[in-house]
Amino acid sequence: MNNLWKIFGLFFVVAITSSFSNANASPLSQDKLLCSAWNLSEVKKYVAHYNNDKSKHCVVSCLLAAKCGQDESSLMGILKEVVDIFGPGNAEWADLEADWHGLTTALNYANQKCRSSFWDFFEFQNKCFKKSCETKCLQIYPAKQK
């Protein structure tokens, strides 16, 4: 019965997040199907050295939102928690909250700081987004390197 309430709660979160728009997504992300799934392994490597799970959630969500749009990033976070309900992981609302902080960081901070009219300078943007996401998320969820 407890898992049933968790599933209901996660579907509620999916319903709320489905109202997001992709207006701030990278121009390239509109051409890719499942951009977040494609980039997830690269992003996970970037945060592997953190010892705080919430900082990992925040940075991963921020980077995926910056690269692929907030819809896909929020869906990946929700799917991860659904997998944790039925798998070996530990599903937590706090993980979804950390994902939310990552999304808002991408939308409110990283996008403003890193977007330019010369969006084709991808290398600069990747470095800018990584630094911006990491700086803001580690302010919210301090982490030490392993």
Foldseek 3Di string as FASTA:
>chain_A
DVLVVVVVVLVVVLVVLVPDDQPQEQPVLVVDDLQLVVCVVVLCVVCVQWPDLLLSLLLSLLLCCHHRNNNSSLVVQSVVLNCLSVHVHDRDVSSSVSSVNNNCQNVPPLSVVQDDPPSVPPVSSSVSSNVSSNVSSCVVPPTDTD
